[in-house]
Amino acid sequence: MKEIFENVFGQDGRVLTLNLVPGSKVYGENLLKINGKEYRAWNPKRSKLCAAIKKGLKNNPIKHNSTILYLGASTGTTPSHLSDILTGGGLYAVEISAHSMKTLLRLCEKRENIIPILADARQPQTYREVGEVDIVYEDVASPEQADILLKNCRMFLKKGGYAMIAIKSQSIDVTQSPEETYKQVKEELSKELEIVEEISLEPFEKGHLFLVLQKK
C-alpha cells in the first residue's frame, strides 16, 4: 500500500481512505482490514474527486488540516471520504435539497468534522459565518457553475487558496459540445483563478472535466 496524497492510499488499483468511523459504511462501499486498520474503498463511479485521482491527478491541495467549503454535498459520499482525510481539519457541507440533507445529517452525527448547511450555493451570503477557508470544492449541477464557484471564492477562499470543480457540461448547455462548454467555463474562471490542472473524468463520468485552480 502506498500513500498517494495525504491520508489517501492506493492498493491493487483501489483508492482507499482510513475509516474515521470503523465498522461504518456510508454508501455501500467495501471495508478492508489492512495491517490491523480499517480502510474504505473509494468508488470512482460515485465520486468525481476519486475519478480524478484514478485518472492520474497530480495536484491535490487537500491536506489533513485543511478547511474545506463543499458546495453540492448531496448525501455525503465524497464528503465522507474527505472526513476520513481531514484528521485535523474540517468541512462545511452546503446542500440545497432538504431530502438529501436528511441523509447528510445522519452522516454528520457520526463524523463531527463535517458541518451541514442547508442553503443555496448561489447565495453564499446566507452562510457567511463560514469565514475563510483553504479550499472551495464544487460539485453542483447548474448552468451557473462557474458563477457559483467565483461567488463563493470571493467571499470565503483565502489568497493563494485552491478551488476544485467538476464541470458538468450537460448541466450547463446540452446544445453544444462538452469541449466548447469546458472552454467557456475555463475562460470565465481564469479571470479570477489560475488553472493548475485539468483532467477528463471519462470513462467514470461522461461529459465531465475536473479542474484544480488557485486564487490569484
N, C-alpha and C. Protein backbone atom coordinates (compact mmCIF):
# COMPACT_ATOMS: atom_id res chain seq x y z
N MET A 1 0.84 -1.20 0.00
CA MET A 1 0.00 0.00 0.00
C MET A 1 0.88 1.25 0.00
N LYS A 2 0.52 2.21 -0.83
CA LYS A 2 1.28 3.46 -0.88
C LYS A 2 0.35 4.64 -0.61
N GLU A 3 0.93 5.71 -0.06
CA GLU A 3 0.16 6.93 0.18
C GLU A 3 0.24 7.80 -1.07
N ILE A 4 -0.90 8.01 -1.73
CA ILE A 4 -0.95 8.80 -2.96
C ILE A 4 -0.91 10.29 -2.64
N PHE A 5 -1.78 10.70 -1.74
CA PHE A 5 -1.81 12.06 -1.19
C PHE A 5 -1.95 11.92 0.32
N GLU A 6 -1.97 13.04 1.04
CA GLU A 6 -2.13 12.95 2.48
C GLU A 6 -3.41 12.17 2.83
N ASN A 7 -3.25 11.08 3.56
CA ASN A 7 -4.37 10.25 4.02
C ASN A 7 -5.21 9.66 2.90
N VAL A 8 -4.62 9.54 1.71
CA VAL A 8 -5.25 8.86 0.57
C VAL A 8 -4.28 7.78 0.10
N PHE A 9 -4.78 6.55 0.04
CA PHE A 9 -3.89 5.42 -0.20
C PHE A 9 -4.31 4.63 -1.44
N GLY A 10 -3.35 3.93 -2.01
CA GLY A 10 -3.62 3.09 -3.15
C GLY A 10 -3.11 1.68 -2.92
N GLN A 11 -3.93 0.70 -3.29
CA GLN A 11 -3.51 -0.70 -3.20
C GLN A 11 -4.28 -1.52 -4.23
N ASP A 12 -3.53 -2.27 -5.02
CA ASP A 12 -4.13 -3.16 -6.04
C ASP A 12 -5.15 -2.44 -6.92
N GLY A 13 -4.83 -1.21 -7.32
CA GLY A 13 -5.70 -0.46 -8.22
C GLY A 13 -6.86 0.25 -7.55
N ARG A 14 -6.98 0.09 -6.23
CA ARG A 14 -8.06 0.74 -5.49
C ARG A 14 -7.56 1.99 -4.79
N VAL A 15 -8.44 2.95 -4.62
CA VAL A 15 -8.16 4.14 -3.82
C VAL A 15 -8.84 3.96 -2.47
N LEU A 16 -8.12 4.22 -1.39
CA LEU A 16 -8.62 3.94 -0.04
C LEU A 16 -8.43 5.15 0.87
N THR A 17 -9.34 5.27 1.85
CA THR A 17 -9.14 6.20 2.96
C THR A 17 -9.33 5.43 4.27
N LEU A 18 -8.58 5.84 5.29
CA LEU A 18 -8.68 5.20 6.60
C LEU A 18 -10.01 5.60 7.25
N ASN A 19 -10.81 4.60 7.60
CA ASN A 19 -12.16 4.85 8.09
C ASN A 19 -12.15 5.58 9.43
N LEU A 20 -12.70 6.80 9.46
CA LEU A 20 -12.79 7.57 10.69
C LEU A 20 -13.76 6.93 11.68
N VAL A 21 -14.74 6.18 11.14
CA VAL A 21 -15.75 5.52 11.98
C VAL A 21 -15.70 4.02 11.68
N PRO A 22 -14.76 3.29 12.29
CA PRO A 22 -14.60 1.86 11.97
C PRO A 22 -15.90 1.07 12.11
N GLY A 23 -16.13 0.20 11.13
CA GLY A 23 -17.32 -0.63 11.13
C GLY A 23 -18.50 0.00 10.43
N SER A 24 -18.38 1.28 10.06
CA SER A 24 -19.49 2.01 9.47
C SER A 24 -19.26 2.27 7.99
N LYS A 25 -20.25 1.89 7.16
CA LYS A 25 -20.25 2.21 5.74
C LYS A 25 -21.12 3.44 5.51
N VAL A 26 -20.89 4.14 4.39
CA VAL A 26 -21.66 5.33 4.07
C VAL A 26 -22.57 5.09 2.86
N TYR A 27 -22.04 4.45 1.82
CA TYR A 27 -22.83 4.26 0.59
C TYR A 27 -22.66 2.85 0.02
N GLY A 28 -22.42 1.90 0.92
CA GLY A 28 -22.28 0.51 0.48
C GLY A 28 -20.88 0.14 0.02
N GLU A 29 -19.91 1.00 0.31
CA GLU A 29 -18.53 0.75 -0.11
C GLU A 29 -17.92 -0.43 0.65
N ASN A 30 -16.88 -1.03 0.07
CA ASN A 30 -16.20 -2.14 0.72
C ASN A 30 -15.30 -1.63 1.84
N LEU A 31 -15.26 -2.38 2.93
CA LEU A 31 -14.35 -2.10 4.03
C LEU A 31 -13.24 -3.15 4.01
N LEU A 32 -11.99 -2.70 4.17
CA LEU A 32 -10.86 -3.62 4.10
C LEU A 32 -9.98 -3.47 5.34
N LYS A 33 -9.61 -4.60 5.92
CA LYS A 33 -8.69 -4.60 7.05
C LYS A 33 -7.27 -4.81 6.51
N ILE A 34 -6.39 -3.84 6.78
CA ILE A 34 -5.01 -3.91 6.33
C ILE A 34 -4.11 -3.52 7.49
N ASN A 35 -3.24 -4.43 7.88
CA ASN A 35 -2.32 -4.19 8.99
C ASN A 35 -3.03 -3.71 10.25
N GLY A 36 -4.19 -4.32 10.51
CA GLY A 36 -4.93 -4.01 11.73
C GLY A 36 -5.76 -2.74 11.68
N LYS A 37 -5.78 -2.07 10.53
CA LYS A 37 -6.58 -0.85 10.39
C LYS A 37 -7.66 -1.06 9.34
N GLU A 38 -8.76 -0.32 9.49
CA GLU A 38 -9.87 -0.46 8.55
C GLU A 38 -9.88 0.70 7.55
N TYR A 39 -9.91 0.33 6.28
CA TYR A 39 -9.94 1.31 5.20
C TYR A 39 -11.24 1.19 4.42
N ARG A 40 -11.67 2.31 3.83
CA ARG A 40 -12.85 2.33 2.97
C ARG A 40 -12.42 2.44 1.52
N ALA A 41 -12.95 1.57 0.67
CA ALA A 41 -12.68 1.66 -0.76
C ALA A 41 -13.47 2.82 -1.33
N TRP A 42 -12.77 3.70 -2.04
CA TRP A 42 -13.37 4.92 -2.60
C TRP A 42 -13.76 4.61 -4.04
N ASN A 43 -15.04 4.72 -4.35
CA ASN A 43 -15.57 4.31 -5.65
C ASN A 43 -15.51 5.47 -6.66
N PRO A 44 -14.69 5.37 -7.72
CA PRO A 44 -14.56 6.45 -8.69
C PRO A 44 -15.82 6.69 -9.51
N LYS A 45 -16.75 5.74 -9.51
CA LYS A 45 -18.01 5.93 -10.23
C LYS A 45 -19.04 6.67 -9.38
N ARG A 46 -18.70 6.87 -8.10
CA ARG A 46 -19.60 7.57 -7.19
C ARG A 46 -19.03 8.90 -6.70
N SER A 47 -17.78 9.19 -7.08
CA SER A 47 -17.11 10.39 -6.58
C SER A 47 -16.23 10.99 -7.67
N LYS A 48 -16.49 12.27 -8.01
CA LYS A 48 -15.70 12.94 -9.05
C LYS A 48 -14.24 13.08 -8.62
N LEU A 49 -14.02 13.34 -7.34
CA LEU A 49 -12.64 13.50 -6.87
C LEU A 49 -11.87 12.19 -6.98
N CYS A 50 -12.51 11.10 -6.62
CA CYS A 50 -11.85 9.79 -6.74
C CYS A 50 -11.59 9.46 -8.21
N ALA A 51 -12.54 9.81 -9.08
CA ALA A 51 -12.35 9.59 -10.52
C ALA A 51 -11.13 10.36 -11.01
N ALA A 52 -10.97 11.59 -10.54
CA ALA A 52 -9.81 12.40 -10.93
C ALA A 52 -8.51 11.76 -10.43
N ILE A 53 -8.54 11.23 -9.22
CA ILE A 53 -7.36 10.55 -8.68
C ILE A 53 -7.03 9.32 -9.51
N LYS A 54 -8.05 8.56 -9.86
CA LYS A 54 -7.84 7.37 -10.69
C LYS A 54 -7.29 7.74 -12.07
N LYS A 55 -7.66 8.92 -12.57
CA LYS A 55 -7.19 9.37 -13.88
C LYS A 55 -5.80 10.02 -13.83
N GLY A 56 -5.19 10.02 -12.64
CA GLY A 56 -3.81 10.50 -12.54
C GLY A 56 -3.64 11.91 -12.01
N LEU A 57 -4.60 12.41 -11.24
CA LEU A 57 -4.49 13.74 -10.65
C LEU A 57 -3.14 13.91 -9.96
N LYS A 58 -2.47 15.02 -10.27
CA LYS A 58 -1.15 15.28 -9.69
C LYS A 58 -1.20 16.34 -8.60
N ASN A 59 -2.13 17.27 -8.71
CA ASN A 59 -2.21 18.39 -7.76
C ASN A 59 -3.47 18.28 -6.91
N ASN A 60 -3.30 17.75 -5.72
CA ASN A 60 -4.41 17.66 -4.78
C ASN A 60 -4.06 18.50 -3.56
N PRO A 61 -4.68 19.68 -3.41
CA PRO A 61 -4.31 20.58 -2.32
C PRO A 61 -4.88 20.19 -0.96
N ILE A 62 -5.68 19.14 -0.89
CA ILE A 62 -6.36 18.76 0.35
C ILE A 62 -5.37 18.09 1.31
N LYS A 63 -5.14 18.73 2.45
CA LYS A 63 -4.24 18.22 3.48
C LYS A 63 -5.05 17.77 4.70
N HIS A 64 -4.38 17.12 5.64
CA HIS A 64 -5.09 16.59 6.81
C HIS A 64 -5.71 17.70 7.66
N ASN A 65 -5.13 18.92 7.57
CA ASN A 65 -5.61 20.03 8.40
C ASN A 65 -6.32 21.12 7.60
N SER A 66 -6.76 20.79 6.39
CA SER A 66 -7.45 21.77 5.55
C SER A 66 -8.85 22.10 6.07
N THR A 67 -9.29 23.31 5.78
CA THR A 67 -10.68 23.69 5.98
C THR A 67 -11.30 23.83 4.60
N ILE A 68 -12.39 23.08 4.35
CA ILE A 68 -12.98 23.00 3.02
C ILE A 68 -14.44 23.46 3.05
N LEU A 69 -14.80 24.26 2.06
CA LEU A 69 -16.20 24.59 1.81
C LEU A 69 -16.63 23.73 0.63
N TYR A 70 -17.57 22.83 0.86
CA TYR A 70 -18.00 21.87 -0.17
C TYR A 70 -19.40 22.25 -0.64
N LEU A 71 -19.51 22.61 -1.92
CA LEU A 71 -20.77 23.04 -2.50
C LEU A 71 -21.40 21.89 -3.28
N GLY A 72 -22.58 21.48 -2.88
CA GLY A 72 -23.26 20.36 -3.53
C GLY A 72 -22.93 19.03 -2.86
N ALA A 73 -23.07 19.00 -1.54
CA ALA A 73 -22.64 17.84 -0.75
C ALA A 73 -23.54 16.62 -0.95
N SER A 74 -24.76 16.83 -1.42
CA SER A 74 -25.73 15.74 -1.62
C SER A 74 -25.87 14.91 -0.33
N THR A 75 -25.82 13.58 -0.44
CA THR A 75 -25.98 12.74 0.75
C THR A 75 -24.65 12.45 1.45
N GLY A 76 -23.55 12.94 0.88
CA GLY A 76 -22.28 12.87 1.61
C GLY A 76 -21.28 11.83 1.18
N THR A 77 -21.40 11.30 -0.04
CA THR A 77 -20.46 10.27 -0.49
C THR A 77 -19.01 10.77 -0.48
N THR A 78 -18.73 11.79 -1.28
CA THR A 78 -17.36 12.34 -1.31
C THR A 78 -17.01 13.03 0.01
N PRO A 79 -17.91 13.84 0.60
CA PRO A 79 -17.58 14.44 1.90
C PRO A 79 -17.18 13.42 2.96
N SER A 80 -17.75 12.22 2.91
CA SER A 80 -17.38 11.21 3.92
C SER A 80 -15.92 10.79 3.78
N HIS A 81 -15.43 10.69 2.54
CA HIS A 81 -14.02 10.35 2.35
C HIS A 81 -13.12 11.53 2.72
N LEU A 82 -13.60 12.74 2.45
CA LEU A 82 -12.84 13.91 2.88
C LEU A 82 -12.79 13.96 4.41
N SER A 83 -13.85 13.54 5.05
CA SER A 83 -13.88 13.45 6.51
C SER A 83 -12.80 12.51 7.02
N ASP A 84 -12.59 11.40 6.31
CA ASP A 84 -11.51 10.47 6.68
C ASP A 84 -10.14 11.15 6.57
N ILE A 85 -9.99 11.97 5.52
CA ILE A 85 -8.71 12.64 5.24
C ILE A 85 -8.43 13.76 6.23
N LEU A 86 -9.48 14.50 6.61
CA LEU A 86 -9.33 15.72 7.42
C LEU A 86 -9.22 15.41 8.91
N THR A 87 -8.17 14.72 9.29
CA THR A 87 -7.99 14.33 10.69
C THR A 87 -7.74 15.53 11.60
N GLY A 88 -7.26 16.64 11.02
CA GLY A 88 -7.03 17.84 11.82
C GLY A 88 -7.71 19.06 11.24
N GLY A 89 -8.63 18.84 10.31
CA GLY A 89 -9.33 19.94 9.65
C GLY A 89 -10.83 19.79 9.75
N GLY A 90 -11.54 20.38 8.79
CA GLY A 90 -13.00 20.30 8.82
C GLY A 90 -13.60 20.67 7.49
N LEU A 91 -14.89 20.33 7.34
CA LEU A 91 -15.58 20.53 6.08
C LEU A 91 -16.96 21.12 6.32
N TYR A 92 -17.26 22.21 5.62
CA TYR A 92 -18.60 22.79 5.62
C TYR A 92 -19.33 22.24 4.39
N ALA A 93 -20.41 21.51 4.61
CA ALA A 93 -21.12 20.82 3.54
C ALA A 93 -22.42 21.55 3.20
N VAL A 94 -22.42 22.26 2.06
CA VAL A 94 -23.60 23.02 1.64
C VAL A 94 -24.44 22.16 0.69
N GLU A 95 -25.72 22.05 0.99
CA GLU A 95 -26.64 21.27 0.16
C GLU A 95 -28.00 21.95 0.14
N ILE A 96 -28.58 22.06 -1.06
CA ILE A 96 -29.86 22.78 -1.21
C ILE A 96 -31.08 21.88 -0.98
N SER A 97 -30.91 20.56 -1.19
CA SER A 97 -32.04 19.63 -1.10
C SER A 97 -32.29 19.20 0.35
N ALA A 98 -33.49 19.48 0.83
CA ALA A 98 -33.86 19.06 2.19
C ALA A 98 -33.89 17.54 2.30
N HIS A 99 -34.26 16.87 1.21
CA HIS A 99 -34.30 15.41 1.21
C HIS A 99 -32.89 14.83 1.38
N SER A 100 -31.94 15.34 0.61
CA SER A 100 -30.55 14.87 0.74
C SER A 100 -29.98 15.23 2.10
N MET A 101 -30.40 16.39 2.62
CA MET A 101 -29.88 16.85 3.91
C MET A 101 -30.23 15.90 5.04
N LYS A 102 -31.37 15.21 4.95
CA LYS A 102 -31.73 14.26 6.00
C LYS A 102 -30.68 13.16 6.13
N THR A 103 -30.23 12.65 4.99
CA THR A 103 -29.19 11.62 4.99
C THR A 103 -27.86 12.21 5.43
N LEU A 104 -27.56 13.41 4.96
CA LEU A 104 -26.31 14.07 5.32
C LEU A 104 -26.22 14.32 6.83
N LEU A 105 -27.34 14.69 7.43
CA LEU A 105 -27.35 14.94 8.88
C LEU A 105 -27.02 13.67 9.67
N ARG A 106 -27.52 12.54 9.21
CA ARG A 106 -27.20 11.27 9.89
C ARG A 106 -25.70 10.98 9.79
N LEU A 107 -25.12 11.31 8.64
CA LEU A 107 -23.68 11.14 8.46
C LEU A 107 -22.91 12.04 9.42
N CYS A 108 -23.35 13.28 9.55
CA CYS A 108 -22.65 14.24 10.40
C CYS A 108 -22.73 13.90 11.88
N GLU A 109 -23.74 13.14 12.27
CA GLU A 109 -23.83 12.70 13.66
C GLU A 109 -22.66 11.79 14.02
N LYS A 110 -22.18 11.04 13.04
CA LYS A 110 -21.05 10.13 13.26
C LYS A 110 -19.71 10.79 12.96
N ARG A 111 -19.74 11.82 12.10
CA ARG A 111 -18.50 12.46 11.64
C ARG A 111 -18.55 13.94 12.02
N GLU A 112 -17.96 14.25 13.15
CA GLU A 112 -18.09 15.59 13.71
C GLU A 112 -17.28 16.65 12.97
N ASN A 113 -16.39 16.22 12.03
CA ASN A 113 -15.64 17.22 11.29
C ASN A 113 -16.37 17.68 10.02
N ILE A 114 -17.63 17.24 9.85
CA ILE A 114 -18.48 17.75 8.77
C ILE A 114 -19.59 18.60 9.40
N ILE A 115 -19.71 19.84 8.94
CA ILE A 115 -20.76 20.73 9.42
C ILE A 115 -21.77 20.94 8.28
N PRO A 116 -23.00 20.44 8.44
CA PRO A 116 -24.00 20.55 7.36
C PRO A 116 -24.63 21.94 7.30
N ILE A 117 -24.86 22.42 6.07
CA ILE A 117 -25.50 23.72 5.88
C ILE A 117 -26.57 23.56 4.79
N LEU A 118 -27.83 23.71 5.17
CA LEU A 118 -28.93 23.67 4.20
C LEU A 118 -29.05 25.06 3.58
N ALA A 119 -28.56 25.19 2.34
CA ALA A 119 -28.54 26.52 1.71
C ALA A 119 -28.36 26.38 0.21
N ASP A 120 -28.58 27.49 -0.49
CA ASP A 120 -28.39 27.58 -1.92
C ASP A 120 -26.99 28.16 -2.18
N ALA A 121 -26.14 27.38 -2.86
CA ALA A 121 -24.76 27.81 -3.11
C ALA A 121 -24.69 29.07 -3.98
N ARG A 122 -25.80 29.42 -4.63
CA ARG A 122 -25.84 30.65 -5.42
C ARG A 122 -25.96 31.88 -4.53
N GLN A 123 -26.22 31.65 -3.23
CA GLN A 123 -26.39 32.77 -2.29
C GLN A 123 -25.46 32.60 -1.09
N PRO A 124 -24.15 32.73 -1.31
CA PRO A 124 -23.19 32.49 -0.23
C PRO A 124 -23.33 33.42 0.96
N GLN A 125 -24.00 34.56 0.76
CA GLN A 125 -24.19 35.49 1.87
C GLN A 125 -25.05 34.87 2.97
N THR A 126 -25.82 33.83 2.63
CA THR A 126 -26.69 33.20 3.65
C THR A 126 -25.92 32.30 4.60
N TYR A 127 -24.67 32.01 4.28
CA TYR A 127 -23.85 31.22 5.22
C TYR A 127 -22.47 31.87 5.40
N ARG A 128 -22.49 33.19 5.47
CA ARG A 128 -21.24 33.95 5.56
C ARG A 128 -20.45 33.64 6.84
N GLU A 129 -21.13 33.06 7.85
CA GLU A 129 -20.45 32.73 9.10
C GLU A 129 -19.37 31.66 8.93
N VAL A 130 -19.34 31.01 7.78
CA VAL A 130 -18.30 30.01 7.50
C VAL A 130 -16.91 30.63 7.62
N GLY A 131 -16.75 31.84 7.13
CA GLY A 131 -15.45 32.51 7.22
C GLY A 131 -14.46 32.00 6.18
N GLU A 132 -13.18 32.28 6.41
CA GLU A 132 -12.14 31.96 5.43
C GLU A 132 -11.83 30.47 5.39
N VAL A 133 -11.64 29.94 4.19
CA VAL A 133 -11.33 28.52 4.02
C VAL A 133 -10.11 28.35 3.12
N ASP A 134 -9.50 27.16 3.20
CA ASP A 134 -8.34 26.83 2.38
C ASP A 134 -8.74 26.40 0.97
N ILE A 135 -9.92 25.73 0.88
CA ILE A 135 -10.34 25.13 -0.38
C ILE A 135 -11.85 25.30 -0.56
N VAL A 136 -12.25 25.66 -1.77
CA VAL A 136 -13.67 25.62 -2.15
C VAL A 136 -13.82 24.52 -3.19
N TYR A 137 -14.68 23.55 -2.90
CA TYR A 137 -14.90 22.40 -3.79
C TYR A 137 -16.34 22.46 -4.28
N GLU A 138 -16.52 22.39 -5.60
CA GLU A 138 -17.89 22.49 -6.14
C GLU A 138 -18.26 21.29 -7.01
N ASP A 139 -19.40 20.70 -6.68
CA ASP A 139 -19.98 19.62 -7.47
C ASP A 139 -21.48 19.87 -7.56
N VAL A 140 -21.84 20.92 -8.30
CA VAL A 140 -23.22 21.38 -8.39
C VAL A 140 -23.72 21.26 -9.83
N ALA A 141 -24.90 20.70 -10.02
CA ALA A 141 -25.50 20.61 -11.36
C ALA A 141 -26.29 21.88 -11.63
N SER A 142 -25.66 22.82 -12.32
CA SER A 142 -26.31 24.10 -12.58
C SER A 142 -25.68 24.76 -13.80
N PRO A 143 -26.47 25.46 -14.62
CA PRO A 143 -25.90 26.23 -15.72
C PRO A 143 -24.97 27.33 -15.22
N GLU A 144 -25.12 27.68 -13.93
CA GLU A 144 -24.34 28.78 -13.34
C GLU A 144 -23.11 28.27 -12.59
N GLN A 145 -22.60 27.11 -12.96
CA GLN A 145 -21.49 26.52 -12.21
C GLN A 145 -20.32 27.46 -11.98
N ALA A 146 -19.87 28.11 -13.03
CA ALA A 146 -18.70 28.99 -12.91
C ALA A 146 -18.99 30.17 -11.99
N ASP A 147 -20.16 30.78 -12.16
CA ASP A 147 -20.53 31.93 -11.34
C ASP A 147 -20.66 31.55 -9.87
N ILE A 148 -21.21 30.37 -9.61
CA ILE A 148 -21.35 29.89 -8.23
C ILE A 148 -19.98 29.74 -7.58
N LEU A 149 -19.04 29.14 -8.31
CA LEU A 149 -17.71 28.95 -7.75
C LEU A 149 -17.04 30.29 -7.47
N LEU A 150 -17.12 31.21 -8.42
CA LEU A 150 -16.47 32.51 -8.24
C LEU A 150 -17.07 33.30 -7.08
N LYS A 151 -18.40 33.29 -6.95
CA LYS A 151 -19.04 33.99 -5.84
C LYS A 151 -18.53 33.47 -4.49
N ASN A 152 -18.45 32.16 -4.38
CA ASN A 152 -18.01 31.56 -3.11
C ASN A 152 -16.53 31.78 -2.86
N CYS A 153 -15.73 31.76 -3.92
CA CYS A 153 -14.29 32.01 -3.76
C CYS A 153 -14.03 33.45 -3.33
N ARG A 154 -14.79 34.38 -3.88
CA ARG A 154 -14.63 35.78 -3.50
C ARG A 154 -14.93 35.98 -2.01
N MET A 155 -15.94 35.29 -1.53
CA MET A 155 -16.37 35.50 -0.15
C MET A 155 -15.55 34.71 0.86
N PHE A 156 -15.11 33.51 0.49
CA PHE A 156 -14.52 32.62 1.50
C PHE A 156 -13.08 32.18 1.27
N LEU A 157 -12.63 32.11 0.03
CA LEU A 157 -11.33 31.49 -0.24
C LEU A 157 -10.19 32.44 0.10
N LYS A 158 -9.25 31.96 0.89
CA LYS A 158 -8.09 32.79 1.27
C LYS A 158 -7.21 33.03 0.05
N LYS A 159 -6.43 34.08 0.08
CA LYS A 159 -5.50 34.38 -1.01
C LYS A 159 -4.49 33.24 -1.14
N GLY A 160 -4.32 32.74 -2.34
CA GLY A 160 -3.42 31.60 -2.55
C GLY A 160 -4.10 30.26 -2.31
N GLY A 161 -5.38 30.29 -1.86
CA GLY A 161 -6.12 29.06 -1.63
C GLY A 161 -6.53 28.41 -2.94
N TYR A 162 -7.11 27.23 -2.84
CA TYR A 162 -7.43 26.43 -4.03
C TYR A 162 -8.93 26.22 -4.20
N ALA A 163 -9.32 26.09 -5.45
CA ALA A 163 -10.70 25.71 -5.79
C ALA A 163 -10.64 24.43 -6.62
N MET A 164 -11.66 23.60 -6.48
CA MET A 164 -11.77 22.36 -7.24
C MET A 164 -13.20 22.27 -7.75
N ILE A 165 -13.34 21.92 -9.02
CA ILE A 165 -14.68 21.89 -9.61
C ILE A 165 -14.78 20.76 -10.62
N ALA A 166 -15.93 20.08 -10.59
CA ALA A 166 -16.26 19.08 -11.61
C ALA A 166 -17.26 19.74 -12.56
N ILE A 167 -16.77 20.15 -13.74
CA ILE A 167 -17.64 20.81 -14.71
C ILE A 167 -18.55 19.78 -15.37
N LYS A 168 -19.86 19.99 -15.25
CA LYS A 168 -20.85 19.07 -15.83
C LYS A 168 -21.39 19.70 -17.11
N SER A 169 -20.85 19.32 -18.25
CA SER A 169 -21.19 20.00 -19.50
C SER A 169 -22.68 19.94 -19.82
N GLN A 170 -23.32 18.81 -19.55
CA GLN A 170 -24.73 18.66 -19.90
C GLN A 170 -25.66 19.46 -19.00
N SER A 171 -25.18 19.85 -17.83
CA SER A 171 -25.98 20.69 -16.94
C SER A 171 -25.87 22.16 -17.33
N ILE A 172 -24.83 22.48 -18.10
CA ILE A 172 -24.60 23.87 -18.47
C ILE A 172 -25.25 24.20 -19.81
N ASP A 173 -25.01 23.36 -20.83
CA ASP A 173 -25.60 23.60 -22.15
C ASP A 173 -25.60 22.31 -22.96
N VAL A 174 -26.78 21.74 -23.16
CA VAL A 174 -26.88 20.47 -23.89
C VAL A 174 -26.80 20.68 -25.41
N THR A 175 -26.86 21.93 -25.86
CA THR A 175 -26.90 22.19 -27.30
C THR A 175 -25.51 22.30 -27.93
N GLN A 176 -24.47 22.38 -27.10
CA GLN A 176 -23.13 22.48 -27.66
C GLN A 176 -22.25 21.34 -27.16
N SER A 177 -21.10 21.18 -27.76
CA SER A 177 -20.21 20.09 -27.40
C SER A 177 -19.62 20.32 -26.01
N PRO A 178 -19.30 19.23 -25.29
CA PRO A 178 -18.65 19.39 -23.99
C PRO A 178 -17.39 20.25 -24.08
N GLU A 179 -16.61 20.07 -25.15
CA GLU A 179 -15.36 20.82 -25.30
C GLU A 179 -15.60 22.33 -25.36
N GLU A 180 -16.67 22.73 -26.06
CA GLU A 180 -16.99 24.15 -26.14
C GLU A 180 -17.43 24.69 -24.78
N THR A 181 -18.20 23.89 -24.07
CA THR A 181 -18.62 24.29 -22.72
C THR A 181 -17.42 24.42 -21.80
N TYR A 182 -16.52 23.43 -21.83
CA TYR A 182 -15.31 23.49 -21.00
C TYR A 182 -14.53 24.78 -21.28
N LYS A 183 -14.38 25.11 -22.56
CA LYS A 183 -13.62 26.30 -22.96
C LYS A 183 -14.24 27.56 -22.37
N GLN A 184 -15.57 27.67 -22.45
CA GLN A 184 -16.25 28.85 -21.93
C GLN A 184 -16.11 28.97 -20.42
N VAL A 185 -16.28 27.83 -19.72
CA VAL A 185 -16.17 27.84 -18.26
C VAL A 185 -14.74 28.20 -17.83
N LYS A 186 -13.76 27.62 -18.51
CA LYS A 186 -12.36 27.91 -18.16
C LYS A 186 -12.02 29.38 -18.39
N GLU A 187 -12.56 29.96 -19.46
CA GLU A 187 -12.31 31.38 -19.73
C GLU A 187 -12.90 32.25 -18.62
N GLU A 188 -14.10 31.90 -18.17
CA GLU A 188 -14.74 32.68 -17.11
C GLU A 188 -13.98 32.55 -15.79
N LEU A 189 -13.61 31.33 -15.44
CA LEU A 189 -12.91 31.11 -14.18
C LEU A 189 -11.52 31.72 -14.18
N SER A 190 -10.87 31.74 -15.35
CA SER A 190 -9.49 32.22 -15.45
C SER A 190 -9.36 33.71 -15.19
N LYS A 191 -10.47 34.43 -15.20
CA LYS A 191 -10.42 35.86 -14.90
C LYS A 191 -10.00 36.11 -13.45
N GLU A 192 -10.32 35.16 -12.57
CA GLU A 192 -10.01 35.34 -11.15
C GLU A 192 -9.19 34.21 -10.54
N LEU A 193 -9.15 33.07 -11.22
CA LEU A 193 -8.44 31.90 -10.69
C LEU A 193 -7.46 31.38 -11.73
N GLU A 194 -6.34 30.88 -11.26
CA GLU A 194 -5.36 30.29 -12.16
C GLU A 194 -5.60 28.78 -12.26
N ILE A 195 -5.71 28.26 -13.46
CA ILE A 195 -5.91 26.83 -13.65
C ILE A 195 -4.59 26.10 -13.40
N VAL A 196 -4.58 25.22 -12.42
CA VAL A 196 -3.38 24.46 -12.06
C VAL A 196 -3.34 23.13 -12.80
N GLU A 197 -4.52 22.51 -12.93
CA GLU A 197 -4.59 21.20 -13.59
C GLU A 197 -6.00 20.96 -14.09
N GLU A 198 -6.11 20.28 -15.22
CA GLU A 198 -7.42 19.86 -15.72
C GLU A 198 -7.32 18.40 -16.15
N ILE A 199 -8.41 17.68 -15.91
CA ILE A 199 -8.37 16.25 -16.18
C ILE A 199 -9.78 15.75 -16.54
N SER A 200 -9.89 15.04 -17.65
CA SER A 200 -11.17 14.47 -18.06
C SER A 200 -11.54 13.32 -17.13
N LEU A 201 -12.82 13.23 -16.79
CA LEU A 201 -13.27 12.16 -15.89
C LEU A 201 -13.83 10.95 -16.65
N GLU A 202 -13.72 10.97 -17.98
CA GLU A 202 -14.09 9.78 -18.76
C GLU A 202 -13.15 8.63 -18.39
N PRO A 203 -13.58 7.39 -18.31
CA PRO A 203 -14.93 6.89 -18.56
C PRO A 203 -15.82 6.86 -17.32
N PHE A 204 -15.32 7.33 -16.19
CA PHE A 204 -16.09 7.25 -14.94
C PHE A 204 -17.30 8.17 -14.97
N GLU A 205 -17.13 9.37 -15.55
CA GLU A 205 -18.22 10.34 -15.65
C GLU A 205 -18.21 10.92 -17.05
N LYS A 206 -19.26 10.70 -17.79
CA LYS A 206 -19.35 11.20 -19.16
C LYS A 206 -19.60 12.71 -19.16
N GLY A 207 -18.88 13.44 -20.01
CA GLY A 207 -19.10 14.86 -20.15
C GLY A 207 -18.71 15.68 -18.94
N HIS A 208 -17.66 15.23 -18.23
CA HIS A 208 -17.20 15.95 -17.04
C HIS A 208 -15.71 16.28 -17.17
N LEU A 209 -15.36 17.48 -16.78
CA LEU A 209 -13.96 17.90 -16.71
C LEU A 209 -13.68 18.40 -15.30
N PHE A 210 -12.59 17.91 -14.72
CA PHE A 210 -12.23 18.28 -13.33
C PHE A 210 -11.10 19.30 -13.37
N LEU A 211 -11.28 20.39 -12.66
CA LEU A 211 -10.26 21.43 -12.61
C LEU A 211 -9.77 21.66 -11.18
N VAL A 212 -8.48 21.88 -11.04
CA VAL A 212 -7.89 22.39 -9.81
C VAL A 212 -7.40 23.81 -10.13
N LEU A 213 -7.80 24.79 -9.31
CA LEU A 213 -7.47 26.18 -9.57
C LEU A 213 -6.91 26.82 -8.31
N GLN A 214 -6.22 27.93 -8.49
CA GLN A 214 -5.66 28.64 -7.34
C GLN A 214 -6.05 30.12 -7.42
N LYS A 215 -6.38 30.69 -6.27
CA LYS A 215 -6.79 32.09 -6.22
C LYS A 215 -5.58 32.98 -6.45
N LYS A 216 -5.72 33.92 -7.38
CA LYS A 216 -4.61 34.80 -7.73
C LYS A 216 -4.37 35.82 -6.61
